[in-house]
Amino acid sequence: MGSLVKLLTSTDQTVQYKKEAQKYLIEFILFQGNYDLIALAELLDVSPFYLNQVASGKATFEEEVANKLFKWFLVIISD
């Protein structure tokens, strides 16, 4: 659990993914976290349209948003 806290509080952590990985993380968070697309878009500070494009595999997030996505994934799996 200490590693998770360290990762979530770090500011220099960089995470990069392929399109498919981002798509699967979004699907997991939406399903397991009981969020809808609009709520997750607000958490990530992106438009719902852009989130939908990434969830469809048509676009990818830039590094900052990808890091937020990964951190929310970790929050969901730690509960």
N, C-alpha and C. Protein backbone atom coordinates (compact mmCIF):
# COMPACT_ATOMS: atom_id res chain seq x y z
N MET A 1 0.82 -1.19 0.00
CA MET A 1 0.00 0.00 0.00
C MET A 1 0.86 1.25 0.00
N GLY A 2 2.04 1.19 0.64
CA GLY A 2 2.93 2.34 0.66
C GLY A 2 3.38 2.74 -0.73
N SER A 3 3.60 1.76 -1.59
CA SER A 3 4.02 2.05 -2.97
C SER A 3 2.93 2.79 -3.72
N LEU A 4 1.68 2.40 -3.48
CA LEU A 4 0.56 3.06 -4.13
C LEU A 4 0.46 4.51 -3.71
N VAL A 5 0.59 4.77 -2.42
CA VAL A 5 0.54 6.14 -1.92
C VAL A 5 1.69 6.95 -2.50
N LYS A 6 2.87 6.37 -2.56
CA LYS A 6 4.03 7.06 -3.12
C LYS A 6 3.80 7.41 -4.59
N LEU A 7 3.24 6.46 -5.34
CA LEU A 7 2.97 6.70 -6.75
C LEU A 7 1.93 7.79 -6.95
N LEU A 8 0.87 7.74 -6.15
CA LEU A 8 -0.21 8.71 -6.32
C LEU A 8 0.20 10.12 -5.93
N THR A 9 1.17 10.25 -5.03
CA THR A 9 1.58 11.58 -4.59
C THR A 9 2.78 12.11 -5.36
N SER A 10 3.40 11.29 -6.18
CA SER A 10 4.57 11.75 -6.92
C SER A 10 4.15 12.68 -8.05
N THR A 11 5.00 13.65 -8.33
CA THR A 11 4.69 14.58 -9.41
C THR A 11 5.55 14.33 -10.64
N ASP A 12 6.60 13.53 -10.50
CA ASP A 12 7.48 13.29 -11.63
C ASP A 12 7.22 11.95 -12.30
N GLN A 13 6.17 11.26 -11.89
CA GLN A 13 5.84 9.97 -12.47
C GLN A 13 5.31 10.17 -13.89
N THR A 14 5.88 9.48 -14.85
CA THR A 14 5.38 9.57 -16.22
C THR A 14 4.92 8.19 -16.66
N VAL A 15 3.76 8.16 -17.23
CA VAL A 15 3.17 6.91 -17.69
C VAL A 15 2.73 7.11 -19.12
N GLN A 16 3.15 6.22 -19.99
CA GLN A 16 2.74 6.30 -21.38
C GLN A 16 2.12 4.96 -21.76
N TYR A 17 1.12 5.00 -22.58
CA TYR A 17 0.42 3.80 -22.99
C TYR A 17 0.15 3.85 -24.48
N LYS A 18 -0.16 2.69 -25.00
CA LYS A 18 -0.66 2.61 -26.36
C LYS A 18 -2.15 2.91 -26.33
N LYS A 19 -2.73 3.11 -27.50
CA LYS A 19 -4.16 3.41 -27.59
C LYS A 19 -5.00 2.36 -26.89
N GLU A 20 -4.68 1.10 -27.12
CA GLU A 20 -5.49 0.02 -26.54
C GLU A 20 -5.43 0.04 -25.02
N ALA A 21 -4.29 0.32 -24.45
CA ALA A 21 -4.16 0.35 -22.99
C ALA A 21 -5.02 1.47 -22.40
N GLN A 22 -5.00 2.63 -23.02
CA GLN A 22 -5.83 3.74 -22.54
C GLN A 22 -7.31 3.37 -22.65
N LYS A 23 -7.66 2.73 -23.73
CA LYS A 23 -9.05 2.31 -23.95
C LYS A 23 -9.48 1.35 -22.84
N TYR A 24 -8.64 0.37 -22.52
CA TYR A 24 -8.99 -0.61 -21.49
C TYR A 24 -9.05 0.02 -20.11
N LEU A 25 -8.16 0.95 -19.82
CA LEU A 25 -8.21 1.64 -18.53
C LEU A 25 -9.51 2.43 -18.38
N ILE A 26 -9.91 3.11 -19.44
CA ILE A 26 -11.16 3.88 -19.40
C ILE A 26 -12.34 2.94 -19.17
N GLU A 27 -12.39 1.85 -19.92
CA GLU A 27 -13.49 0.90 -19.76
C GLU A 27 -13.53 0.34 -18.34
N PHE A 28 -12.37 0.02 -17.79
CA PHE A 28 -12.31 -0.52 -16.43
C PHE A 28 -12.82 0.50 -15.42
N ILE A 29 -12.35 1.73 -15.52
CA ILE A 29 -12.76 2.77 -14.57
C ILE A 29 -14.26 3.04 -14.68
N LEU A 30 -14.78 3.09 -15.89
CA LEU A 30 -16.21 3.34 -16.07
C LEU A 30 -17.04 2.21 -15.46
N PHE A 31 -16.60 0.98 -15.65
CA PHE A 31 -17.37 -0.17 -15.16
C PHE A 31 -17.20 -0.37 -13.66
N GLN A 32 -15.96 -0.44 -13.21
CA GLN A 32 -15.70 -0.74 -11.79
C GLN A 32 -15.94 0.45 -10.88
N GLY A 33 -15.73 1.65 -11.39
CA GLY A 33 -15.91 2.84 -10.57
C GLY A 33 -17.31 3.41 -10.61
N ASN A 34 -18.16 2.80 -11.43
CA ASN A 34 -19.55 3.26 -11.58
C ASN A 34 -19.63 4.73 -11.98
N TYR A 35 -18.72 5.14 -12.84
CA TYR A 35 -18.74 6.49 -13.39
C TYR A 35 -19.39 6.45 -14.77
N ASP A 36 -19.92 7.58 -15.20
CA ASP A 36 -20.34 7.69 -16.58
C ASP A 36 -19.26 8.49 -17.32
N LEU A 37 -19.40 8.57 -18.62
CA LEU A 37 -18.39 9.23 -19.44
C LEU A 37 -18.20 10.69 -19.05
N ILE A 38 -19.27 11.37 -18.74
CA ILE A 38 -19.19 12.80 -18.39
C ILE A 38 -18.46 13.00 -17.07
N ALA A 39 -18.77 12.16 -16.08
CA ALA A 39 -18.11 12.28 -14.77
C ALA A 39 -16.62 12.00 -14.88
N LEU A 40 -16.25 10.97 -15.64
CA LEU A 40 -14.83 10.65 -15.81
C LEU A 40 -14.12 11.77 -16.57
N ALA A 41 -14.77 12.34 -17.56
CA ALA A 41 -14.18 13.45 -18.30
C ALA A 41 -13.89 14.62 -17.37
N GLU A 42 -14.80 14.90 -16.44
CA GLU A 42 -14.58 15.97 -15.48
C GLU A 42 -13.40 15.66 -14.56
N LEU A 43 -13.27 14.40 -14.13
CA LEU A 43 -12.15 14.01 -13.28
C LEU A 43 -10.81 14.18 -13.99
N LEU A 44 -10.81 13.93 -15.29
CA LEU A 44 -9.57 14.01 -16.08
C LEU A 44 -9.35 15.39 -16.69
N ASP A 45 -10.30 16.29 -16.53
CA ASP A 45 -10.23 17.63 -17.12
C ASP A 45 -10.11 17.60 -18.64
N VAL A 46 -10.93 16.77 -19.26
CA VAL A 46 -11.00 16.71 -20.73
C VAL A 46 -12.47 16.79 -21.13
N SER A 47 -12.71 17.03 -22.39
CA SER A 47 -14.10 17.07 -22.86
C SER A 47 -14.63 15.64 -22.99
N PRO A 48 -15.93 15.46 -22.79
CA PRO A 48 -16.52 14.13 -22.97
C PRO A 48 -16.30 13.59 -24.39
N PHE A 49 -16.32 14.49 -25.38
CA PHE A 49 -16.08 14.06 -26.76
C PHE A 49 -14.69 13.46 -26.91
N TYR A 50 -13.68 14.15 -26.37
CA TYR A 50 -12.31 13.66 -26.47
C TYR A 50 -12.15 12.34 -25.72
N LEU A 51 -12.75 12.23 -24.54
CA LEU A 51 -12.69 10.98 -23.79
C LEU A 51 -13.33 9.85 -24.60
N ASN A 52 -14.43 10.14 -25.25
CA ASN A 52 -15.09 9.15 -26.09
C ASN A 52 -14.20 8.72 -27.25
N GLN A 53 -13.47 9.66 -27.84
CA GLN A 53 -12.55 9.34 -28.93
C GLN A 53 -11.44 8.40 -28.45
N VAL A 54 -10.91 8.66 -27.26
CA VAL A 54 -9.87 7.79 -26.70
C VAL A 54 -10.46 6.43 -26.36
N ALA A 55 -11.65 6.41 -25.77
CA ALA A 55 -12.30 5.15 -25.41
C ALA A 55 -12.61 4.31 -26.65
N SER A 56 -12.78 4.96 -27.79
CA SER A 56 -13.04 4.26 -29.04
C SER A 56 -11.76 3.85 -29.75
N GLY A 57 -10.62 4.27 -29.24
CA GLY A 57 -9.34 3.93 -29.86
C GLY A 57 -8.98 4.83 -31.03
N LYS A 58 -9.66 5.96 -31.16
CA LYS A 58 -9.41 6.87 -32.28
C LYS A 58 -8.43 7.99 -31.93
N ALA A 59 -8.10 8.12 -30.66
CA ALA A 59 -7.18 9.16 -30.21
C ALA A 59 -6.45 8.65 -28.97
N THR A 60 -5.43 9.40 -28.55
CA THR A 60 -4.72 9.06 -27.32
C THR A 60 -4.58 10.32 -26.48
N PHE A 61 -4.45 10.11 -25.18
CA PHE A 61 -4.24 11.23 -24.28
C PHE A 61 -2.79 11.66 -24.31
N GLU A 62 -2.58 12.94 -24.05
CA GLU A 62 -1.23 13.43 -23.85
C GLU A 62 -0.75 12.93 -22.48
N GLU A 63 0.51 13.11 -22.20
CA GLU A 63 1.15 12.54 -21.02
C GLU A 63 0.46 12.93 -19.71
N GLU A 64 0.11 14.20 -19.55
CA GLU A 64 -0.49 14.67 -18.30
C GLU A 64 -1.83 13.97 -18.03
N VAL A 65 -2.66 13.88 -19.04
CA VAL A 65 -3.97 13.25 -18.87
C VAL A 65 -3.80 11.73 -18.71
N ALA A 66 -2.85 11.15 -19.42
CA ALA A 66 -2.59 9.71 -19.27
C ALA A 66 -2.16 9.39 -17.84
N ASN A 67 -1.38 10.26 -17.24
CA ASN A 67 -0.98 10.06 -15.84
C ASN A 67 -2.18 10.13 -14.91
N LYS A 68 -3.07 11.09 -15.15
CA LYS A 68 -4.29 11.19 -14.33
C LYS A 68 -5.14 9.92 -14.48
N LEU A 69 -5.26 9.45 -15.71
CA LEU A 69 -6.04 8.24 -15.97
C LEU A 69 -5.47 7.07 -15.20
N PHE A 70 -4.16 6.90 -15.23
CA PHE A 70 -3.51 5.80 -14.53
C PHE A 70 -3.69 5.93 -13.02
N LYS A 71 -3.59 7.13 -12.50
CA LYS A 71 -3.78 7.32 -11.06
C LYS A 71 -5.21 7.00 -10.64
N TRP A 72 -6.20 7.36 -11.46
CA TRP A 72 -7.58 7.00 -11.14
C TRP A 72 -7.77 5.49 -11.22
N PHE A 73 -7.10 4.85 -12.15
CA PHE A 73 -7.13 3.38 -12.22
C PHE A 73 -6.61 2.78 -10.92
N LEU A 74 -5.51 3.30 -10.43
CA LEU A 74 -4.95 2.80 -9.17
C LEU A 74 -5.88 3.03 -7.99
N VAL A 75 -6.55 4.16 -7.99
CA VAL A 75 -7.51 4.44 -6.92
C VAL A 75 -8.64 3.41 -6.95
N ILE A 76 -9.14 3.11 -8.13
CA ILE A 76 -10.25 2.16 -8.26
C ILE A 76 -9.83 0.77 -7.81
N ILE A 77 -8.65 0.32 -8.22
CA ILE A 77 -8.25 -1.05 -7.85
C ILE A 77 -7.83 -1.15 -6.40
N SER A 78 -7.50 -0.05 -5.77
CA SER A 78 -7.08 -0.11 -4.36
C SER A 78 -8.27 -0.17 -3.41
N ASP A 79 -9.46 0.15 -3.90
CA ASP A 79 -10.66 0.11 -3.03
C ASP A 79 -11.15 -1.29 -2.82
